Amino acid sequence: MDKQGDVTSLLNAWQRGDNKAGEEMLPLVYAELHRIAGRQRNKQYGLLTMQTTDVLHEAWLRLADQNVGCWNNRVQFFAIASTVVRRVLLDSARKRLAQQRDRRQEISLDSVAEPMGLARAEELVDLDEALVRLRHNDPRQAQVVDLRYFGGLTIEETALMLDISPATVKRDWEHARAWLYREMHTSPAGLS
């Protein structure tokens, strides 16, 4: 059986309640999860104090705590994993903003040297809030953004995941990018 088949088989076992299958699956998906975490950490969120491996490990712990019945195949697993990675990074940005707002805290030399600035953290939170509004207005377009931008899926993989045509994915992708542009008043170039 190939690696994809192994992952699918282990996902199915994990879904049936076999926790050992989740442990066996990690080495098979580690490289792809690391790529997803690194891509999001560098592309979307700028440099953070969290290392890519730390982001990946936190995301894995959150995935392991989720109801394992929420994914049916390998593509869906990685799509959900990319959303969890985004949440880990978003939580880090929110924590950074909270520390900046808390005037009672002392500013140490370590916090001054942290690479994520307040503006970048605010941008991250603004993007998440815009995505929440998009999800309310058009859930499918929000899913397309999650899968394409955060998950790194191709148009074809996104179409397969959402059970829609590639043309519909392209149309939703363009509409979502334009909508986010209007919402955030910034260039959609980052959502290419």
N, C-alpha and C. Protein backbone atom coordinates (compact mmCIF):
# COMPACT_ATOMS: atom_id res chain seq x y z
N MET A 1 0.85 -1.18 0.00
CA MET A 1 0.00 0.00 0.00
C MET A 1 0.89 1.24 0.00
N ASP A 2 0.52 2.26 -0.77
CA ASP A 2 1.30 3.48 -0.83
C ASP A 2 1.01 4.36 0.38
N LYS A 3 1.79 5.45 0.47
CA LYS A 3 1.67 6.34 1.63
C LYS A 3 0.26 6.94 1.74
N GLN A 4 -0.33 7.36 0.61
CA GLN A 4 -1.67 7.93 0.64
C GLN A 4 -2.68 6.90 1.14
N GLY A 5 -2.54 5.67 0.67
CA GLY A 5 -3.43 4.60 1.13
C GLY A 5 -3.25 4.31 2.60
N ASP A 6 -2.00 4.35 3.06
CA ASP A 6 -1.73 4.15 4.49
C ASP A 6 -2.40 5.23 5.33
N VAL A 7 -2.29 6.48 4.88
CA VAL A 7 -2.89 7.58 5.63
C VAL A 7 -4.41 7.42 5.67
N THR A 8 -5.01 7.12 4.54
CA THR A 8 -6.46 6.93 4.50
C THR A 8 -6.88 5.79 5.40
N SER A 9 -6.15 4.69 5.33
CA SER A 9 -6.47 3.53 6.17
C SER A 9 -6.34 3.87 7.66
N LEU A 10 -5.29 4.60 8.03
CA LEU A 10 -5.10 5.00 9.42
C LEU A 10 -6.16 6.01 9.86
N LEU A 11 -6.54 6.92 8.97
CA LEU A 11 -7.62 7.86 9.29
C LEU A 11 -8.91 7.11 9.58
N ASN A 12 -9.20 6.11 8.75
CA ASN A 12 -10.41 5.32 8.96
C ASN A 12 -10.36 4.60 10.31
N ALA A 13 -9.20 4.03 10.64
CA ALA A 13 -9.05 3.34 11.93
C ALA A 13 -9.19 4.33 13.09
N TRP A 14 -8.58 5.49 12.93
CA TRP A 14 -8.64 6.52 13.97
C TRP A 14 -10.09 6.97 14.16
N GLN A 15 -10.82 7.07 13.06
CA GLN A 15 -12.22 7.46 13.10
C GLN A 15 -13.06 6.44 13.86
N ARG A 16 -12.66 5.19 13.78
CA ARG A 16 -13.38 4.12 14.49
C ARG A 16 -12.97 4.04 15.96
N GLY A 17 -12.08 4.94 16.41
CA GLY A 17 -11.71 4.98 17.82
C GLY A 17 -10.36 4.37 18.15
N ASP A 18 -9.58 3.98 17.15
CA ASP A 18 -8.26 3.39 17.38
C ASP A 18 -7.25 4.53 17.53
N ASN A 19 -6.96 4.90 18.78
CA ASN A 19 -6.02 6.00 19.03
C ASN A 19 -4.60 5.69 18.58
N LYS A 20 -4.25 4.42 18.57
CA LYS A 20 -2.91 4.02 18.11
C LYS A 20 -2.73 4.37 16.63
N ALA A 21 -3.82 4.34 15.87
CA ALA A 21 -3.74 4.69 14.45
C ALA A 21 -3.29 6.14 14.27
N GLY A 22 -3.75 7.04 15.15
CA GLY A 22 -3.31 8.43 15.10
C GLY A 22 -1.82 8.56 15.34
N GLU A 23 -1.32 7.78 16.29
CA GLU A 23 0.12 7.79 16.58
C GLU A 23 0.92 7.25 15.40
N GLU A 24 0.41 6.22 14.75
CA GLU A 24 1.09 5.63 13.60
C GLU A 24 1.04 6.55 12.38
N MET A 25 0.02 7.38 12.32
CA MET A 25 -0.15 8.26 11.17
C MET A 25 0.82 9.44 11.20
N LEU A 26 1.17 9.93 12.38
CA LEU A 26 2.00 11.12 12.49
C LEU A 26 3.27 11.06 11.64
N PRO A 27 4.05 10.00 11.68
CA PRO A 27 5.26 10.00 10.85
C PRO A 27 4.96 10.08 9.34
N LEU A 28 3.79 9.58 8.94
CA LEU A 28 3.43 9.59 7.53
C LEU A 28 2.99 10.97 7.05
N VAL A 29 2.46 11.79 7.95
CA VAL A 29 1.94 13.10 7.57
C VAL A 29 2.81 14.25 8.07
N TYR A 30 3.85 13.94 8.82
CA TYR A 30 4.66 14.96 9.48
C TYR A 30 5.24 15.97 8.48
N ALA A 31 5.84 15.49 7.41
CA ALA A 31 6.48 16.39 6.45
C ALA A 31 5.46 17.35 5.82
N GLU A 32 4.30 16.84 5.46
CA GLU A 32 3.27 17.68 4.86
C GLU A 32 2.73 18.69 5.88
N LEU A 33 2.52 18.25 7.11
CA LEU A 33 2.06 19.17 8.16
C LEU A 33 3.12 20.25 8.43
N HIS A 34 4.37 19.86 8.39
CA HIS A 34 5.46 20.82 8.60
C HIS A 34 5.46 21.86 7.48
N ARG A 35 5.22 21.41 6.24
CA ARG A 35 5.16 22.32 5.10
C ARG A 35 4.00 23.31 5.27
N ILE A 36 2.85 22.80 5.67
CA ILE A 36 1.67 23.65 5.88
C ILE A 36 1.96 24.68 6.97
N ALA A 37 2.52 24.23 8.09
CA ALA A 37 2.82 25.13 9.20
C ALA A 37 3.85 26.18 8.79
N GLY A 38 4.89 25.76 8.09
CA GLY A 38 5.92 26.69 7.65
C GLY A 38 5.39 27.70 6.65
N ARG A 39 4.59 27.24 5.73
CA ARG A 39 4.02 28.12 4.71
C ARG A 39 3.15 29.19 5.36
N GLN A 40 2.29 28.78 6.26
CA GLN A 40 1.42 29.75 6.92
C GLN A 40 2.21 30.68 7.82
N ARG A 41 3.16 30.13 8.53
CA ARG A 41 3.96 30.94 9.45
C ARG A 41 4.71 32.02 8.69
N ASN A 42 5.31 31.66 7.57
CA ASN A 42 6.12 32.61 6.82
C ASN A 42 5.30 33.51 5.90
N LYS A 43 4.37 32.94 5.18
CA LYS A 43 3.63 33.71 4.18
C LYS A 43 2.61 34.64 4.80
N GLN A 44 1.78 34.11 5.65
CA GLN A 44 0.66 34.88 6.16
C GLN A 44 1.01 35.70 7.39
N TYR A 45 1.75 35.13 8.29
CA TYR A 45 1.86 35.73 9.61
C TYR A 45 3.21 36.37 9.88
N GLY A 46 4.09 36.34 8.93
CA GLY A 46 5.39 36.93 9.16
C GLY A 46 6.18 36.11 10.16
N LEU A 47 7.28 36.65 10.58
CA LEU A 47 8.11 35.93 11.53
C LEU A 47 7.51 36.01 12.92
N LEU A 48 7.37 34.87 13.54
CA LEU A 48 6.84 34.78 14.90
C LEU A 48 7.91 34.25 15.82
N THR A 49 7.65 34.36 17.09
CA THR A 49 8.60 33.76 18.02
C THR A 49 8.44 32.25 18.06
N MET A 50 7.28 31.75 17.64
CA MET A 50 7.08 30.30 17.57
C MET A 50 7.81 29.75 16.35
N GLN A 51 8.53 28.69 16.55
CA GLN A 51 9.17 28.01 15.44
C GLN A 51 8.14 27.15 14.71
N THR A 52 8.42 26.84 13.46
CA THR A 52 7.49 26.03 12.67
C THR A 52 7.18 24.71 13.36
N THR A 53 8.18 24.08 13.91
CA THR A 53 7.98 22.80 14.59
C THR A 53 7.06 22.97 15.80
N ASP A 54 7.21 24.07 16.53
CA ASP A 54 6.33 24.33 17.67
C ASP A 54 4.88 24.51 17.21
N VAL A 55 4.69 25.23 16.10
CA VAL A 55 3.35 25.42 15.54
C VAL A 55 2.77 24.07 15.16
N LEU A 56 3.56 23.26 14.48
CA LEU A 56 3.10 21.93 14.04
C LEU A 56 2.71 21.08 15.24
N HIS A 57 3.53 21.05 16.27
CA HIS A 57 3.24 20.21 17.44
C HIS A 57 1.98 20.67 18.17
N GLU A 58 1.81 21.98 18.30
CA GLU A 58 0.59 22.50 18.93
C GLU A 58 -0.63 22.13 18.09
N ALA A 59 -0.50 22.26 16.79
CA ALA A 59 -1.62 21.90 15.90
C ALA A 59 -1.93 20.41 16.01
N TRP A 60 -0.92 19.57 16.08
CA TRP A 60 -1.15 18.12 16.20
C TRP A 60 -1.89 17.80 17.49
N LEU A 61 -1.50 18.45 18.58
CA LEU A 61 -2.18 18.22 19.85
C LEU A 61 -3.65 18.62 19.76
N ARG A 62 -3.92 19.72 19.10
CA ARG A 62 -5.31 20.16 18.93
C ARG A 62 -6.08 19.19 18.02
N LEU A 63 -5.42 18.71 16.97
CA LEU A 63 -6.08 17.73 16.09
C LEU A 63 -6.41 16.46 16.85
N ALA A 64 -5.48 16.02 17.68
CA ALA A 64 -5.69 14.78 18.44
C ALA A 64 -6.84 14.93 19.43
N ASP A 65 -7.08 16.16 19.91
CA ASP A 65 -8.16 16.41 20.85
C ASP A 65 -9.52 16.56 20.17
N GLN A 66 -9.50 16.77 18.85
CA GLN A 66 -10.77 16.94 18.12
C GLN A 66 -11.49 15.62 17.98
N ASN A 67 -12.75 15.74 17.66
CA ASN A 67 -13.54 14.56 17.32
C ASN A 67 -12.98 14.01 16.01
N VAL A 68 -12.39 12.82 16.06
CA VAL A 68 -11.73 12.28 14.88
C VAL A 68 -12.70 11.91 13.77
N GLY A 69 -13.97 11.94 14.01
CA GLY A 69 -14.94 11.63 12.98
C GLY A 69 -15.18 12.77 12.02
N CYS A 70 -14.47 13.89 12.17
CA CYS A 70 -14.76 15.06 11.36
C CYS A 70 -13.99 15.06 10.04
N TRP A 71 -13.19 14.06 9.74
CA TRP A 71 -12.54 13.98 8.44
C TRP A 71 -12.77 12.60 7.84
N ASN A 72 -12.92 12.59 6.54
CA ASN A 72 -13.24 11.33 5.87
C ASN A 72 -12.14 10.82 4.97
N ASN A 73 -11.20 11.68 4.61
CA ASN A 73 -10.12 11.26 3.73
C ASN A 73 -8.90 12.13 3.95
N ARG A 74 -7.85 11.80 3.24
CA ARG A 74 -6.57 12.47 3.39
C ARG A 74 -6.66 13.97 3.07
N VAL A 75 -7.33 14.32 1.98
CA VAL A 75 -7.46 15.72 1.58
C VAL A 75 -8.20 16.52 2.65
N GLN A 76 -9.28 15.95 3.16
CA GLN A 76 -10.06 16.63 4.18
C GLN A 76 -9.24 16.77 5.47
N PHE A 77 -8.47 15.77 5.81
CA PHE A 77 -7.61 15.85 7.00
C PHE A 77 -6.64 17.02 6.89
N PHE A 78 -5.96 17.15 5.74
CA PHE A 78 -4.99 18.23 5.58
C PHE A 78 -5.68 19.59 5.52
N ALA A 79 -6.89 19.66 4.99
CA ALA A 79 -7.63 20.91 4.98
C ALA A 79 -7.96 21.33 6.41
N ILE A 80 -8.41 20.39 7.21
CA ILE A 80 -8.72 20.69 8.61
C ILE A 80 -7.44 21.02 9.37
N ALA A 81 -6.37 20.30 9.08
CA ALA A 81 -5.09 20.58 9.74
C ALA A 81 -4.62 21.99 9.43
N SER A 82 -4.79 22.45 8.20
CA SER A 82 -4.36 23.81 7.86
C SER A 82 -5.17 24.85 8.62
N THR A 83 -6.45 24.57 8.84
CA THR A 83 -7.28 25.48 9.63
C THR A 83 -6.81 25.50 11.08
N VAL A 84 -6.45 24.36 11.61
CA VAL A 84 -5.96 24.28 12.99
C VAL A 84 -4.63 25.04 13.11
N VAL A 85 -3.75 24.90 12.12
CA VAL A 85 -2.48 25.64 12.14
C VAL A 85 -2.77 27.14 12.15
N ARG A 86 -3.72 27.57 11.33
CA ARG A 86 -4.08 28.99 11.29
C ARG A 86 -4.55 29.46 12.66
N ARG A 87 -5.34 28.63 13.34
CA ARG A 87 -5.84 28.98 14.68
C ARG A 87 -4.69 29.09 15.69
N VAL A 88 -3.72 28.21 15.60
CA VAL A 88 -2.56 28.27 16.50
C VAL A 88 -1.84 29.61 16.31
N LEU A 89 -1.61 30.00 15.06
CA LEU A 89 -0.92 31.24 14.77
C LEU A 89 -1.77 32.46 15.15
N LEU A 90 -3.06 32.36 14.93
CA LEU A 90 -3.96 33.44 15.31
C LEU A 90 -3.97 33.62 16.83
N ASP A 91 -4.00 32.54 17.57
CA ASP A 91 -3.95 32.62 19.04
C ASP A 91 -2.66 33.30 19.49
N SER A 92 -1.56 33.01 18.81
CA SER A 92 -0.28 33.63 19.14
C SER A 92 -0.35 35.14 18.88
N ALA A 93 -0.95 35.53 17.76
CA ALA A 93 -1.07 36.95 17.44
C ALA A 93 -1.98 37.66 18.43
N ARG A 94 -3.07 37.03 18.80
CA ARG A 94 -3.98 37.64 19.78
C ARG A 94 -3.29 37.82 21.13
N LYS A 95 -2.49 36.84 21.49
CA LYS A 95 -1.75 36.93 22.75
C LYS A 95 -0.78 38.12 22.68
N ARG A 96 -0.15 38.27 21.54
CA ARG A 96 0.79 39.39 21.34
C ARG A 96 0.05 40.73 21.48
N LEU A 97 -1.13 40.83 20.86
CA LEU A 97 -1.92 42.06 20.97
C LEU A 97 -2.35 42.32 22.40
N ALA A 98 -2.76 41.28 23.10
CA ALA A 98 -3.18 41.44 24.50
C ALA A 98 -2.02 41.94 25.35
N GLN A 99 -0.83 41.43 25.10
CA GLN A 99 0.32 41.89 25.86
C GLN A 99 0.62 43.36 25.57
N GLN A 100 0.45 43.77 24.32
CA GLN A 100 0.69 45.17 23.96
C GLN A 100 -0.32 46.10 24.61
N ARG A 101 -1.57 45.63 24.73
CA ARG A 101 -2.62 46.47 25.31
C ARG A 101 -2.53 46.55 26.83
N ASP A 102 -1.93 45.54 27.44
CA ASP A 102 -1.84 45.52 28.90
C ASP A 102 -0.69 46.42 29.35
N ARG A 103 -1.01 47.65 29.65
CA ARG A 103 0.00 48.65 30.00
C ARG A 103 0.66 48.35 31.35
N ARG A 104 0.06 47.46 32.13
CA ARG A 104 0.63 47.16 33.44
C ARG A 104 1.82 46.23 33.34
N GLN A 105 1.98 45.57 32.21
CA GLN A 105 3.10 44.63 32.09
C GLN A 105 4.39 45.40 31.81
N GLU A 106 5.46 44.89 32.37
CA GLU A 106 6.75 45.46 32.06
C GLU A 106 7.19 44.97 30.69
N ILE A 107 7.87 45.81 29.97
CA ILE A 107 8.40 45.42 28.67
C ILE A 107 9.83 44.96 28.88
N SER A 108 10.07 43.70 28.58
CA SER A 108 11.41 43.16 28.75
C SER A 108 12.17 43.28 27.44
N LEU A 109 13.46 43.09 27.50
CA LEU A 109 14.26 43.11 26.27
C LEU A 109 13.82 42.00 25.33
N ASP A 110 13.38 40.87 25.88
CA ASP A 110 12.93 39.77 25.03
C ASP A 110 11.69 40.16 24.24
N SER A 111 10.74 40.85 24.87
CA SER A 111 9.52 41.20 24.15
C SER A 111 9.77 42.29 23.12
N VAL A 112 10.74 43.17 23.36
CA VAL A 112 11.06 44.20 22.38
C VAL A 112 11.64 43.56 21.12
N ALA A 113 12.38 42.47 21.28
CA ALA A 113 13.05 41.84 20.16
C ALA A 113 12.16 40.86 19.40
N GLU A 114 10.93 40.64 19.87
CA GLU A 114 10.06 39.69 19.18
C GLU A 114 9.79 40.18 17.76
N PRO A 115 9.92 39.29 16.77
CA PRO A 115 9.79 39.71 15.39
C PRO A 115 8.39 40.16 14.97
N MET A 116 7.33 39.59 15.53
CA MET A 116 5.99 40.01 15.11
C MET A 116 5.65 41.33 15.75
N GLY A 117 5.50 42.34 14.92
CA GLY A 117 5.14 43.64 15.42
C GLY A 117 3.65 43.75 15.66
N LEU A 118 3.27 44.80 16.34
CA LEU A 118 1.88 45.04 16.66
C LEU A 118 1.05 45.18 15.38
N ALA A 119 1.57 45.87 14.38
CA ALA A 119 0.83 46.07 13.12
C ALA A 119 0.55 44.73 12.44
N ARG A 120 1.54 43.85 12.44
CA ARG A 120 1.35 42.53 11.79
C ARG A 120 0.33 41.71 12.57
N ALA A 121 0.38 41.75 13.88
CA ALA A 121 -0.59 41.02 14.69
C ALA A 121 -1.99 41.56 14.45
N GLU A 122 -2.12 42.88 14.36
CA GLU A 122 -3.43 43.48 14.08
C GLU A 122 -3.95 43.06 12.71
N GLU A 123 -3.05 43.02 11.73
CA GLU A 123 -3.42 42.59 10.38
C GLU A 123 -3.95 41.16 10.39
N LEU A 124 -3.29 40.31 11.15
CA LEU A 124 -3.71 38.92 11.26
C LEU A 124 -5.10 38.81 11.88
N VAL A 125 -5.34 39.55 12.94
CA VAL A 125 -6.65 39.52 13.60
C VAL A 125 -7.71 40.11 12.67
N ASP A 126 -7.37 41.19 11.96
CA ASP A 126 -8.31 41.79 11.00
C ASP A 126 -8.68 40.80 9.91
N LEU A 127 -7.70 40.06 9.41
CA LEU A 127 -7.99 39.06 8.38
C LEU A 127 -8.92 37.99 8.92
N ASP A 128 -8.67 37.54 10.13
CA ASP A 128 -9.54 36.52 10.71
C ASP A 128 -10.96 37.05 10.88
N GLU A 129 -11.09 38.28 11.34
CA GLU A 129 -12.42 38.87 11.50
C GLU A 129 -13.12 39.03 10.16
N ALA A 130 -12.39 39.40 9.12
CA ALA A 130 -12.98 39.50 7.78
C ALA A 130 -13.43 38.13 7.29
N LEU A 131 -12.63 37.10 7.58
CA LEU A 131 -13.02 35.74 7.18
C LEU A 131 -14.27 35.27 7.92
N VAL A 132 -14.41 35.67 9.17
CA VAL A 132 -15.62 35.33 9.92
C VAL A 132 -16.83 35.97 9.25
N ARG A 133 -16.70 37.24 8.85
CA ARG A 133 -17.80 37.92 8.16
C ARG A 133 -18.08 37.27 6.81
N LEU A 134 -17.02 36.90 6.09
CA LEU A 134 -17.21 36.22 4.80
C LEU A 134 -17.92 34.89 5.01
N ARG A 135 -17.53 34.17 6.05
CA ARG A 135 -18.16 32.88 6.34
C ARG A 135 -19.66 33.06 6.61
N HIS A 136 -20.02 34.15 7.23
CA HIS A 136 -21.44 34.45 7.49
C HIS A 136 -22.16 34.78 6.18
N ASN A 137 -21.51 35.57 5.31
CA ASN A 137 -22.13 35.98 4.04
C ASN A 137 -22.12 34.88 2.98
N ASP A 138 -21.02 34.17 2.89
CA ASP A 138 -20.89 33.12 1.86
C ASP A 138 -19.96 32.03 2.38
N PRO A 139 -20.53 31.03 3.07
CA PRO A 139 -19.70 29.99 3.68
C PRO A 139 -18.80 29.26 2.69
N ARG A 140 -19.30 29.01 1.48
CA ARG A 140 -18.48 28.27 0.52
C ARG A 140 -17.26 29.09 0.10
N GLN A 141 -17.42 30.39 -0.12
CA GLN A 141 -16.27 31.21 -0.48
C GLN A 141 -15.24 31.21 0.65
N ALA A 142 -15.71 31.25 1.88
CA ALA A 142 -14.79 31.21 3.02
C ALA A 142 -14.04 29.87 3.05
N GLN A 143 -14.74 28.79 2.72
CA GLN A 143 -14.09 27.48 2.66
C GLN A 143 -13.03 27.46 1.57
N VAL A 144 -13.34 28.07 0.43
CA VAL A 144 -12.37 28.13 -0.66
C VAL A 144 -11.11 28.87 -0.21
N VAL A 145 -11.28 29.99 0.49
CA VAL A 145 -10.12 30.73 1.01
C VAL A 145 -9.34 29.87 1.98
N ASP A 146 -10.02 29.20 2.91
CA ASP A 146 -9.34 28.34 3.87
C ASP A 146 -8.52 27.27 3.17
N LEU A 147 -9.13 26.61 2.20
CA LEU A 147 -8.46 25.50 1.53
C LEU A 147 -7.35 25.96 0.60
N ARG A 148 -7.60 27.01 -0.17
CA ARG A 148 -6.62 27.48 -1.15
C ARG A 148 -5.48 28.24 -0.48
N TYR A 149 -5.82 29.23 0.30
CA TYR A 149 -4.80 30.12 0.84
C TYR A 149 -4.10 29.52 2.05
N PHE A 150 -4.87 29.03 2.99
CA PHE A 150 -4.27 28.52 4.22
C PHE A 150 -3.85 27.07 4.09
N GLY A 151 -4.62 26.28 3.34
CA GLY A 151 -4.30 24.87 3.19
C GLY A 151 -3.34 24.58 2.06
N GLY A 152 -3.18 25.53 1.14
CA GLY A 152 -2.27 25.33 0.03
C GLY A 152 -2.77 24.36 -1.03
N LEU A 153 -4.09 24.09 -1.03
CA LEU A 153 -4.64 23.17 -2.01
C LEU A 153 -4.74 23.83 -3.38
N THR A 154 -4.63 23.04 -4.41
CA THR A 154 -4.81 23.54 -5.77
C THR A 154 -6.30 23.75 -6.03
N ILE A 155 -6.60 24.35 -7.15
CA ILE A 155 -8.01 24.54 -7.54
C ILE A 155 -8.69 23.18 -7.67
N GLU A 156 -8.01 22.24 -8.29
CA GLU A 156 -8.59 20.91 -8.49
C GLU A 156 -8.82 20.19 -7.16
N GLU A 157 -7.84 20.27 -6.25
CA GLU A 157 -8.00 19.63 -4.94
C GLU A 157 -9.14 20.28 -4.14
N THR A 158 -9.24 21.60 -4.25
CA THR A 158 -10.32 22.31 -3.56
C THR A 158 -11.67 21.89 -4.13
N ALA A 159 -11.75 21.78 -5.45
CA ALA A 159 -13.00 21.34 -6.10
C ALA A 159 -13.38 19.95 -5.61
N LEU A 160 -12.41 19.05 -5.54
CA LEU A 160 -12.66 17.69 -5.07
C LEU A 160 -13.14 17.71 -3.62
N MET A 161 -12.47 18.50 -2.81
CA MET A 161 -12.81 18.58 -1.39
C MET A 161 -14.23 19.10 -1.17
N LEU A 162 -14.63 20.11 -1.94
CA LEU A 162 -15.93 20.73 -1.76
C LEU A 162 -17.01 20.13 -2.66
N ASP A 163 -16.59 19.19 -3.50
CA ASP A 163 -17.51 18.54 -4.43
C ASP A 163 -18.20 19.56 -5.34
N ILE A 164 -17.39 20.46 -5.91
CA ILE A 164 -17.87 21.44 -6.88
C ILE A 164 -16.90 21.45 -8.05
N SER A 165 -17.23 22.14 -9.10
CA SER A 165 -16.37 22.16 -10.29
C SER A 165 -15.18 23.10 -10.08
N PRO A 166 -14.07 22.85 -10.79
CA PRO A 166 -12.93 23.77 -10.71
C PRO A 166 -13.31 25.19 -11.14
N ALA A 167 -14.21 25.33 -12.10
CA ALA A 167 -14.64 26.67 -12.53
C ALA A 167 -15.34 27.40 -11.39
N THR A 168 -16.13 26.69 -10.60
CA THR A 168 -16.81 27.30 -9.47
C THR A 168 -15.79 27.71 -8.41
N VAL A 169 -14.78 26.89 -8.20
CA VAL A 169 -13.72 27.24 -7.25
C VAL A 169 -13.02 28.52 -7.70
N LYS A 170 -12.66 28.59 -9.00
CA LYS A 170 -11.99 29.80 -9.52
C LYS A 170 -12.87 31.04 -9.32
N ARG A 171 -14.14 30.92 -9.61
CA ARG A 171 -15.06 32.04 -9.47
C ARG A 171 -15.19 32.46 -7.99
N ASP A 172 -15.38 31.47 -7.11
CA ASP A 172 -15.47 31.77 -5.68
C ASP A 172 -14.19 32.39 -5.16
N TRP A 173 -13.06 31.90 -5.62
CA TRP A 173 -11.75 32.40 -5.20
C TRP A 173 -11.60 33.87 -5.57
N GLU A 174 -11.94 34.20 -6.81
CA GLU A 174 -11.85 35.60 -7.25
C GLU A 174 -12.82 36.50 -6.49
N HIS A 175 -14.04 36.05 -6.30
CA HIS A 175 -15.02 36.85 -5.56
C HIS A 175 -14.59 37.04 -4.11
N ALA A 176 -14.10 35.98 -3.49
CA ALA A 176 -13.67 36.07 -2.09
C ALA A 176 -12.49 37.02 -1.94
N ARG A 177 -11.55 36.95 -2.86
CA ARG A 177 -10.39 37.86 -2.81
C ARG A 177 -10.84 39.31 -2.93
N ALA A 178 -11.76 39.58 -3.85
CA ALA A 178 -12.26 40.95 -4.03
C ALA A 178 -13.02 41.41 -2.78
N TRP A 179 -13.80 40.51 -2.22
CA TRP A 179 -14.58 40.85 -1.02
C TRP A 179 -13.64 41.17 0.13
N LEU A 180 -12.63 40.34 0.34
CA LEU A 180 -11.66 40.58 1.42
C LEU A 180 -10.90 41.88 1.19
N TYR A 181 -10.59 42.16 -0.06
CA TYR A 181 -9.91 43.41 -0.39
C TYR A 181 -10.76 44.60 0.08
N ARG A 182 -12.02 44.57 -0.27
CA ARG A 182 -12.91 45.67 0.15
C ARG A 182 -13.03 45.74 1.67
N GLU A 183 -13.13 44.60 2.31
CA GLU A 183 -13.29 44.56 3.77
C GLU A 183 -12.06 45.07 4.51
N MET A 184 -10.91 44.75 3.99
CA MET A 184 -9.67 45.06 4.71
C MET A 184 -8.98 46.32 4.20
N HIS A 185 -9.41 46.84 3.05
CA HIS A 185 -8.81 48.05 2.47
C HIS A 185 -7.33 47.88 2.23
N THR A 186 -6.94 46.65 1.86
CA THR A 186 -5.54 46.40 1.50
C THR A 186 -5.52 45.63 0.20
N SER A 187 -4.37 45.52 -0.37
CA SER A 187 -4.21 44.82 -1.64
C SER A 187 -4.46 43.33 -1.48
N PRO A 188 -5.20 42.71 -2.41
CA PRO A 188 -5.41 41.27 -2.33
C PRO A 188 -4.22 40.48 -2.85
N ALA A 189 -3.13 41.17 -3.13
CA ALA A 189 -1.97 40.49 -3.72
C ALA A 189 -1.47 39.35 -2.84
N GLY A 190 -1.64 39.47 -1.52
CA GLY A 190 -1.22 38.41 -0.62
C GLY A 190 -2.04 37.16 -0.78
N LEU A 191 -3.21 37.24 -1.38
CA LEU A 191 -4.07 36.09 -1.58
C LEU A 191 -3.98 35.59 -3.00
N SER A 192 -2.78 35.41 -3.49
CA SER A 192 -2.61 34.96 -4.88
C SER A 192 -2.59 33.46 -4.98
